[in-house]
Amino acid sequence: MPISIKDMAKCTFSDNRMKADFENSKALIYKLEDDIIKVQIKDSASIEEEDLLEMKVFNKKLAEGKNYYLLFIAGKDAHISKEAREKSTEKEISENKLAQAFVVQSLAHKIIVNFFINIQKPSMPTKMFTDEKEAINWLKSLKRKSKHE
């Protein structure tokens, strides 16, 4: 049954229908708010150290050199190398990040993110989610909390 124009007016589209502020072969990067940056890893992408460095440049540019909150969405069948995971905790990559939320769906991604959080111990608040809206709400709650301190 086709959707009517009236029903279509009620629809909301997810962020992946928005035009990305930056795009390369492995990721789409969006500025959701002044200080919330979304990195959407493309399906089947393989992330290496140099990809992290490139994404960091884009993130910093979108945040205009200021501190920001990162929303990281893992693409289906995407992979991050061991070297890239280790690099991600270094100051060069983590500087200016106030917090990061990872949105994952697969068991493999959940295991990797749990390992990252519990073993590599990022220097900023980091949490894993399966729902993007919950992740955004968590980042916004941290923003509100930091404004009251």
N, C-alpha and C. Protein backbone atom coordinates (compact mmCIF):
# COMPACT_ATOMS: atom_id res chain seq x y z
N MET A 1 0.85 -1.18 0.00
CA MET A 1 0.00 0.00 0.00
C MET A 1 0.90 1.24 0.00
N PRO A 2 0.73 2.14 -0.97
CA PRO A 2 1.58 3.35 -1.04
C PRO A 2 1.29 4.30 0.13
N ILE A 3 2.30 5.04 0.51
CA ILE A 3 2.16 6.02 1.59
C ILE A 3 1.58 7.31 1.02
N SER A 4 0.65 7.90 1.76
CA SER A 4 0.02 9.14 1.29
C SER A 4 0.90 10.34 1.61
N ILE A 5 0.66 11.45 0.92
CA ILE A 5 1.41 12.68 1.19
C ILE A 5 1.17 13.13 2.62
N LYS A 6 -0.05 12.97 3.10
CA LYS A 6 -0.37 13.34 4.48
C LYS A 6 0.48 12.53 5.47
N ASP A 7 0.59 11.21 5.24
CA ASP A 7 1.40 10.36 6.11
C ASP A 7 2.88 10.68 5.97
N MET A 8 3.30 11.00 4.75
CA MET A 8 4.70 11.32 4.50
C MET A 8 5.12 12.56 5.30
N ALA A 9 4.22 13.50 5.45
CA ALA A 9 4.52 14.73 6.19
C ALA A 9 4.82 14.44 7.66
N LYS A 10 4.30 13.32 8.17
CA LYS A 10 4.52 12.94 9.56
C LYS A 10 5.84 12.19 9.76
N CYS A 11 6.45 11.75 8.67
CA CYS A 11 7.67 10.94 8.76
C CYS A 11 8.86 11.77 9.20
N THR A 12 9.74 11.14 9.92
CA THR A 12 11.03 11.75 10.21
C THR A 12 12.09 10.81 9.65
N PHE A 13 13.14 11.37 9.16
CA PHE A 13 14.19 10.58 8.56
C PHE A 13 15.38 10.53 9.49
N SER A 14 16.05 9.41 9.51
CA SER A 14 17.23 9.26 10.37
C SER A 14 18.38 10.09 9.82
N ASP A 15 19.40 10.27 10.66
CA ASP A 15 20.56 11.07 10.30
C ASP A 15 21.26 10.60 9.04
N ASN A 16 21.15 9.29 8.70
CA ASN A 16 21.86 8.82 7.54
C ASN A 16 21.26 9.36 6.24
N ARG A 17 20.15 10.07 6.31
CA ARG A 17 19.58 10.73 5.14
C ARG A 17 20.08 12.16 5.03
N MET A 18 20.72 12.66 6.08
CA MET A 18 21.29 14.00 6.04
C MET A 18 22.55 13.96 5.18
N LYS A 19 22.88 15.08 4.58
CA LYS A 19 24.13 15.16 3.84
C LYS A 19 25.27 15.30 4.84
N ALA A 20 26.27 14.48 4.67
CA ALA A 20 27.42 14.52 5.58
C ALA A 20 28.20 15.81 5.39
N ASP A 21 28.77 16.31 6.48
CA ASP A 21 29.64 17.49 6.39
C ASP A 21 30.99 17.12 5.77
N PHE A 22 31.43 15.89 6.02
CA PHE A 22 32.66 15.36 5.43
C PHE A 22 32.41 13.90 5.09
N GLU A 23 33.04 13.43 4.04
CA GLU A 23 32.93 12.03 3.67
C GLU A 23 34.24 11.58 3.04
N ASN A 24 34.66 10.38 3.41
CA ASN A 24 35.77 9.74 2.70
C ASN A 24 35.33 8.32 2.37
N SER A 25 36.24 7.48 1.96
CA SER A 25 35.85 6.14 1.53
C SER A 25 35.41 5.24 2.69
N LYS A 26 35.67 5.66 3.92
CA LYS A 26 35.37 4.79 5.06
C LYS A 26 34.37 5.35 6.06
N ALA A 27 34.09 6.65 6.00
CA ALA A 27 33.22 7.25 7.02
C ALA A 27 32.48 8.47 6.51
N LEU A 28 31.35 8.72 7.14
CA LEU A 28 30.57 9.95 6.96
C LEU A 28 30.66 10.68 8.30
N ILE A 29 30.90 11.99 8.25
CA ILE A 29 31.03 12.74 9.50
C ILE A 29 30.06 13.92 9.47
N TYR A 30 29.28 14.04 10.55
CA TYR A 30 28.22 15.04 10.66
C TYR A 30 28.46 15.91 11.89
N LYS A 31 28.07 17.16 11.80
CA LYS A 31 28.03 18.03 12.97
C LYS A 31 26.57 18.07 13.40
N LEU A 32 26.25 17.39 14.50
CA LEU A 32 24.86 17.33 14.97
C LEU A 32 24.48 18.59 15.73
N GLU A 33 25.40 19.07 16.54
CA GLU A 33 25.25 20.32 17.29
C GLU A 33 26.62 20.97 17.31
N ASP A 34 26.71 22.16 17.88
CA ASP A 34 28.01 22.84 17.92
C ASP A 34 29.12 21.96 18.46
N ASP A 35 28.79 21.14 19.44
CA ASP A 35 29.84 20.35 20.08
C ASP A 35 29.54 18.85 20.11
N ILE A 36 28.68 18.39 19.22
CA ILE A 36 28.46 16.94 19.07
C ILE A 36 28.75 16.56 17.62
N ILE A 37 29.74 15.69 17.46
CA ILE A 37 30.16 15.23 16.14
C ILE A 37 29.80 13.76 16.02
N LYS A 38 29.20 13.40 14.89
CA LYS A 38 28.83 12.01 14.63
C LYS A 38 29.74 11.45 13.54
N VAL A 39 30.37 10.32 13.84
CA VAL A 39 31.18 9.61 12.85
C VAL A 39 30.45 8.30 12.55
N GLN A 40 30.00 8.15 11.32
CA GLN A 40 29.30 6.94 10.86
C GLN A 40 30.28 6.15 9.99
N ILE A 41 30.76 5.04 10.51
CA ILE A 41 31.66 4.19 9.74
C ILE A 41 30.83 3.43 8.70
N LYS A 42 31.31 3.42 7.48
CA LYS A 42 30.59 2.75 6.40
C LYS A 42 30.66 1.23 6.58
N ASP A 43 29.63 0.56 6.07
CA ASP A 43 29.58 -0.90 6.13
C ASP A 43 30.83 -1.49 5.46
N SER A 44 31.37 -2.50 6.08
CA SER A 44 32.54 -3.25 5.59
C SER A 44 33.84 -2.46 5.53
N ALA A 45 33.86 -1.26 6.09
CA ALA A 45 35.09 -0.46 6.09
C ALA A 45 36.12 -1.08 7.04
N SER A 46 37.37 -0.94 6.70
CA SER A 46 38.46 -1.40 7.55
C SER A 46 39.25 -0.16 7.98
N ILE A 47 39.17 0.17 9.26
CA ILE A 47 39.76 1.40 9.79
C ILE A 47 41.19 1.14 10.26
N GLU A 48 42.11 1.94 9.74
CA GLU A 48 43.53 1.86 10.09
C GLU A 48 43.93 3.15 10.81
N GLU A 49 45.16 3.20 11.30
CA GLU A 49 45.65 4.38 12.02
C GLU A 49 45.47 5.66 11.22
N GLU A 50 45.86 5.63 9.95
CA GLU A 50 45.78 6.84 9.12
C GLU A 50 44.33 7.32 8.94
N ASP A 51 43.37 6.38 8.98
CA ASP A 51 41.96 6.76 8.89
C ASP A 51 41.54 7.53 10.14
N LEU A 52 42.00 7.08 11.31
CA LEU A 52 41.71 7.79 12.56
C LEU A 52 42.26 9.21 12.53
N LEU A 53 43.48 9.34 12.02
CA LEU A 53 44.10 10.67 11.94
C LEU A 53 43.31 11.58 11.01
N GLU A 54 42.85 11.04 9.89
CA GLU A 54 42.05 11.83 8.96
C GLU A 54 40.72 12.24 9.58
N MET A 55 40.06 11.29 10.26
CA MET A 55 38.79 11.60 10.93
C MET A 55 38.99 12.66 12.01
N LYS A 56 40.10 12.57 12.73
CA LYS A 56 40.40 13.56 13.78
C LYS A 56 40.49 14.96 13.19
N VAL A 57 41.13 15.09 12.02
CA VAL A 57 41.24 16.39 11.36
C VAL A 57 39.84 16.92 11.03
N PHE A 58 38.98 16.05 10.47
CA PHE A 58 37.61 16.46 10.13
C PHE A 58 36.84 16.86 11.39
N ASN A 59 36.94 16.04 12.45
CA ASN A 59 36.22 16.33 13.70
C ASN A 59 36.64 17.68 14.27
N LYS A 60 37.94 17.90 14.30
CA LYS A 60 38.47 19.15 14.86
C LYS A 60 38.00 20.35 14.04
N LYS A 61 37.97 20.18 12.73
CA LYS A 61 37.52 21.25 11.84
C LYS A 61 36.03 21.56 12.09
N LEU A 62 35.21 20.51 12.19
CA LEU A 62 33.78 20.71 12.45
C LEU A 62 33.53 21.35 13.81
N ALA A 63 34.34 20.99 14.80
CA ALA A 63 34.19 21.55 16.15
C ALA A 63 34.89 22.90 16.27
N GLU A 64 35.46 23.36 15.17
CA GLU A 64 36.15 24.66 15.12
C GLU A 64 37.26 24.75 16.17
N GLY A 65 37.96 23.62 16.36
CA GLY A 65 39.08 23.59 17.29
C GLY A 65 38.70 23.51 18.76
N LYS A 66 37.39 23.51 19.04
CA LYS A 66 36.92 23.48 20.43
C LYS A 66 36.72 22.03 20.89
N ASN A 67 36.46 21.86 22.17
CA ASN A 67 36.15 20.55 22.71
C ASN A 67 34.81 20.07 22.18
N TYR A 68 34.67 18.75 22.05
CA TYR A 68 33.44 18.20 21.48
C TYR A 68 33.14 16.81 22.06
N TYR A 69 31.90 16.39 21.84
CA TYR A 69 31.43 15.06 22.23
C TYR A 69 31.34 14.24 20.94
N LEU A 70 31.76 12.99 21.00
CA LEU A 70 31.80 12.15 19.81
C LEU A 70 30.76 11.03 19.88
N LEU A 71 29.96 10.94 18.82
CA LEU A 71 29.03 9.83 18.63
C LEU A 71 29.62 8.98 17.51
N PHE A 72 29.95 7.74 17.80
CA PHE A 72 30.63 6.86 16.86
C PHE A 72 29.71 5.70 16.53
N ILE A 73 29.33 5.58 15.26
CA ILE A 73 28.41 4.52 14.82
C ILE A 73 29.20 3.50 14.00
N ALA A 74 29.22 2.27 14.46
CA ALA A 74 29.94 1.21 13.74
C ALA A 74 29.08 0.69 12.59
N GLY A 75 29.65 0.67 11.40
CA GLY A 75 28.95 0.12 10.24
C GLY A 75 28.93 -1.40 10.27
N LYS A 76 27.99 -1.97 9.55
CA LYS A 76 27.86 -3.43 9.48
C LYS A 76 29.14 -4.01 8.89
N ASP A 77 29.68 -5.02 9.54
CA ASP A 77 30.89 -5.71 9.10
C ASP A 77 32.12 -4.81 9.02
N ALA A 78 32.08 -3.66 9.69
CA ALA A 78 33.25 -2.77 9.72
C ALA A 78 34.28 -3.36 10.68
N HIS A 79 35.52 -3.00 10.47
CA HIS A 79 36.62 -3.55 11.27
C HIS A 79 37.60 -2.44 11.61
N ILE A 80 38.15 -2.49 12.81
CA ILE A 80 39.20 -1.54 13.19
C ILE A 80 40.44 -2.35 13.58
N SER A 81 41.56 -2.00 13.01
CA SER A 81 42.79 -2.75 13.27
C SER A 81 43.24 -2.57 14.72
N LYS A 82 44.04 -3.51 15.18
CA LYS A 82 44.59 -3.45 16.54
C LYS A 82 45.38 -2.16 16.72
N GLU A 83 46.17 -1.80 15.71
CA GLU A 83 46.98 -0.58 15.77
C GLU A 83 46.10 0.67 15.88
N ALA A 84 45.00 0.67 15.15
CA ALA A 84 44.08 1.81 15.20
C ALA A 84 43.40 1.89 16.57
N ARG A 85 43.03 0.75 17.14
CA ARG A 85 42.42 0.74 18.48
C ARG A 85 43.40 1.31 19.50
N GLU A 86 44.64 0.89 19.41
CA GLU A 86 45.65 1.40 20.34
C GLU A 86 45.89 2.89 20.13
N LYS A 87 45.93 3.32 18.88
CA LYS A 87 46.15 4.73 18.55
C LYS A 87 45.01 5.59 19.09
N SER A 88 43.81 5.04 19.11
CA SER A 88 42.63 5.83 19.51
C SER A 88 42.69 6.31 20.95
N THR A 89 43.52 5.70 21.78
CA THR A 89 43.63 6.14 23.18
C THR A 89 44.75 7.16 23.37
N GLU A 90 45.53 7.39 22.34
CA GLU A 90 46.64 8.35 22.44
C GLU A 90 46.12 9.78 22.42
N LYS A 91 46.88 10.67 23.04
CA LYS A 91 46.48 12.08 23.15
C LYS A 91 46.20 12.71 21.79
N GLU A 92 47.00 12.36 20.80
CA GLU A 92 46.84 12.92 19.46
C GLU A 92 45.42 12.72 18.93
N ILE A 93 44.82 11.59 19.22
CA ILE A 93 43.47 11.28 18.75
C ILE A 93 42.42 11.74 19.76
N SER A 94 42.71 11.60 21.05
CA SER A 94 41.68 11.88 22.06
C SER A 94 41.60 13.34 22.49
N GLU A 95 42.57 14.17 22.10
CA GLU A 95 42.52 15.57 22.54
C GLU A 95 41.25 16.24 22.00
N ASN A 96 40.70 17.12 22.77
CA ASN A 96 39.48 17.88 22.49
C ASN A 96 38.20 17.06 22.67
N LYS A 97 38.28 15.75 22.85
CA LYS A 97 37.09 14.93 23.05
C LYS A 97 36.71 14.97 24.52
N LEU A 98 35.48 15.37 24.80
CA LEU A 98 34.99 15.41 26.18
C LEU A 98 34.38 14.08 26.60
N ALA A 99 33.80 13.35 25.64
CA ALA A 99 33.20 12.04 25.90
C ALA A 99 32.95 11.38 24.56
N GLN A 100 32.78 10.06 24.60
CA GLN A 100 32.46 9.36 23.36
C GLN A 100 31.44 8.27 23.62
N ALA A 101 30.50 8.17 22.71
CA ALA A 101 29.46 7.14 22.77
C ALA A 101 29.59 6.28 21.52
N PHE A 102 29.66 4.97 21.72
CA PHE A 102 29.74 4.03 20.61
C PHE A 102 28.39 3.36 20.43
N VAL A 103 27.89 3.34 19.20
CA VAL A 103 26.65 2.63 18.89
C VAL A 103 27.03 1.42 18.04
N VAL A 104 26.73 0.24 18.58
CA VAL A 104 27.09 -1.00 17.91
C VAL A 104 25.90 -1.94 17.88
N GLN A 105 25.89 -2.85 16.92
CA GLN A 105 24.81 -3.82 16.81
C GLN A 105 25.32 -5.26 16.91
N SER A 106 26.46 -5.54 16.33
CA SER A 106 26.94 -6.93 16.27
C SER A 106 27.65 -7.33 17.55
N LEU A 107 27.65 -8.63 17.80
CA LEU A 107 28.35 -9.17 18.96
C LEU A 107 29.85 -8.87 18.87
N ALA A 108 30.41 -8.99 17.68
CA ALA A 108 31.84 -8.71 17.50
C ALA A 108 32.17 -7.27 17.90
N HIS A 109 31.35 -6.32 17.46
CA HIS A 109 31.59 -4.92 17.81
C HIS A 109 31.41 -4.69 19.31
N LYS A 110 30.45 -5.35 19.91
CA LYS A 110 30.23 -5.21 21.36
C LYS A 110 31.46 -5.70 22.13
N ILE A 111 32.03 -6.82 21.69
CA ILE A 111 33.22 -7.36 22.36
C ILE A 111 34.39 -6.39 22.22
N ILE A 112 34.58 -5.85 21.03
CA ILE A 112 35.69 -4.92 20.79
C ILE A 112 35.53 -3.65 21.63
N VAL A 113 34.32 -3.09 21.66
CA VAL A 113 34.10 -1.86 22.42
C VAL A 113 34.24 -2.13 23.92
N ASN A 114 33.71 -3.25 24.40
CA ASN A 114 33.89 -3.61 25.81
C ASN A 114 35.37 -3.73 26.17
N PHE A 115 36.14 -4.36 25.31
CA PHE A 115 37.58 -4.48 25.52
C PHE A 115 38.21 -3.10 25.57
N PHE A 116 37.84 -2.26 24.62
CA PHE A 116 38.38 -0.90 24.55
C PHE A 116 38.10 -0.13 25.84
N ILE A 117 36.85 -0.19 26.31
CA ILE A 117 36.46 0.56 27.51
C ILE A 117 37.13 0.00 28.77
N ASN A 118 37.13 -1.32 28.91
CA ASN A 118 37.59 -1.94 30.16
C ASN A 118 39.09 -2.19 30.23
N ILE A 119 39.74 -2.40 29.10
CA ILE A 119 41.17 -2.72 29.11
C ILE A 119 42.02 -1.52 28.70
N GLN A 120 41.63 -0.84 27.62
CA GLN A 120 42.43 0.29 27.16
C GLN A 120 42.10 1.58 27.91
N LYS A 121 41.00 1.58 28.61
CA LYS A 121 40.61 2.67 29.51
C LYS A 121 40.79 4.07 28.92
N PRO A 122 39.85 4.49 28.07
CA PRO A 122 39.93 5.84 27.50
C PRO A 122 39.96 6.90 28.60
N SER A 123 40.56 8.04 28.29
CA SER A 123 40.74 9.10 29.29
C SER A 123 39.50 9.95 29.50
N MET A 124 38.45 9.73 28.72
CA MET A 124 37.22 10.50 28.87
C MET A 124 36.04 9.54 29.07
N PRO A 125 34.90 10.04 29.56
CA PRO A 125 33.73 9.16 29.70
C PRO A 125 33.42 8.49 28.36
N THR A 126 33.24 7.18 28.41
CA THR A 126 32.99 6.39 27.21
C THR A 126 31.95 5.34 27.54
N LYS A 127 30.96 5.20 26.66
CA LYS A 127 29.89 4.25 26.92
C LYS A 127 29.43 3.62 25.60
N MET A 128 28.94 2.39 25.69
CA MET A 128 28.45 1.67 24.52
C MET A 128 26.92 1.61 24.55
N PHE A 129 26.33 1.73 23.37
CA PHE A 129 24.88 1.69 23.20
C PHE A 129 24.51 0.84 22.00
N THR A 130 23.25 0.41 21.95
CA THR A 130 22.73 -0.23 20.75
C THR A 130 21.73 0.69 20.06
N ASP A 131 21.38 1.79 20.72
CA ASP A 131 20.40 2.74 20.17
C ASP A 131 21.04 4.13 20.04
N GLU A 132 20.98 4.69 18.85
CA GLU A 132 21.60 5.99 18.59
C GLU A 132 20.99 7.11 19.42
N LYS A 133 19.66 7.11 19.57
CA LYS A 133 19.01 8.19 20.34
C LYS A 133 19.44 8.15 21.80
N GLU A 134 19.56 6.95 22.36
CA GLU A 134 20.03 6.82 23.75
C GLU A 134 21.45 7.35 23.89
N ALA A 135 22.28 7.07 22.90
CA ALA A 135 23.67 7.55 22.93
C ALA A 135 23.71 9.07 22.88
N ILE A 136 22.90 9.66 22.01
CA ILE A 136 22.85 11.13 21.90
C ILE A 136 22.35 11.73 23.21
N ASN A 137 21.31 11.13 23.79
CA ASN A 137 20.78 11.63 25.06
C ASN A 137 21.84 11.57 26.17
N TRP A 138 22.64 10.51 26.19
CA TRP A 138 23.71 10.39 27.18
C TRP A 138 24.74 11.51 26.99
N LEU A 139 25.14 11.75 25.74
CA LEU A 139 26.10 12.83 25.47
C LEU A 139 25.53 14.18 25.90
N LYS A 140 24.25 14.40 25.59
CA LYS A 140 23.61 15.67 25.98
C LYS A 140 23.53 15.80 27.50
N SER A 141 23.30 14.69 28.20
CA SER A 141 23.25 14.76 29.67
C SER A 141 24.62 15.13 30.24
N LEU A 142 25.69 14.63 29.62
CA LEU A 142 27.04 15.01 30.06
C LEU A 142 27.29 16.49 29.80
N LYS A 143 26.79 16.98 28.66
CA LYS A 143 26.92 18.41 28.33
C LYS A 143 26.24 19.26 29.39
N ARG A 144 24.99 18.89 29.73
CA ARG A 144 24.23 19.65 30.73
C ARG A 144 24.95 19.62 32.07
N LYS A 145 25.44 18.45 32.45
CA LYS A 145 26.14 18.29 33.72
C LYS A 145 27.39 19.17 33.77
N SER A 146 28.14 19.22 32.68
CA SER A 146 29.38 20.01 32.66
C SER A 146 29.10 21.51 32.71
N LYS A 147 27.94 21.93 32.21
CA LYS A 147 27.59 23.36 32.26
C LYS A 147 27.23 23.80 33.66
N HIS A 148 26.81 22.85 34.51
CA HIS A 148 26.42 23.19 35.88
C HIS A 148 27.58 23.07 36.86
N GLU A 149 28.72 22.61 36.40
CA GLU A 149 29.87 22.45 37.31
C GLU A 149 30.70 23.70 37.36
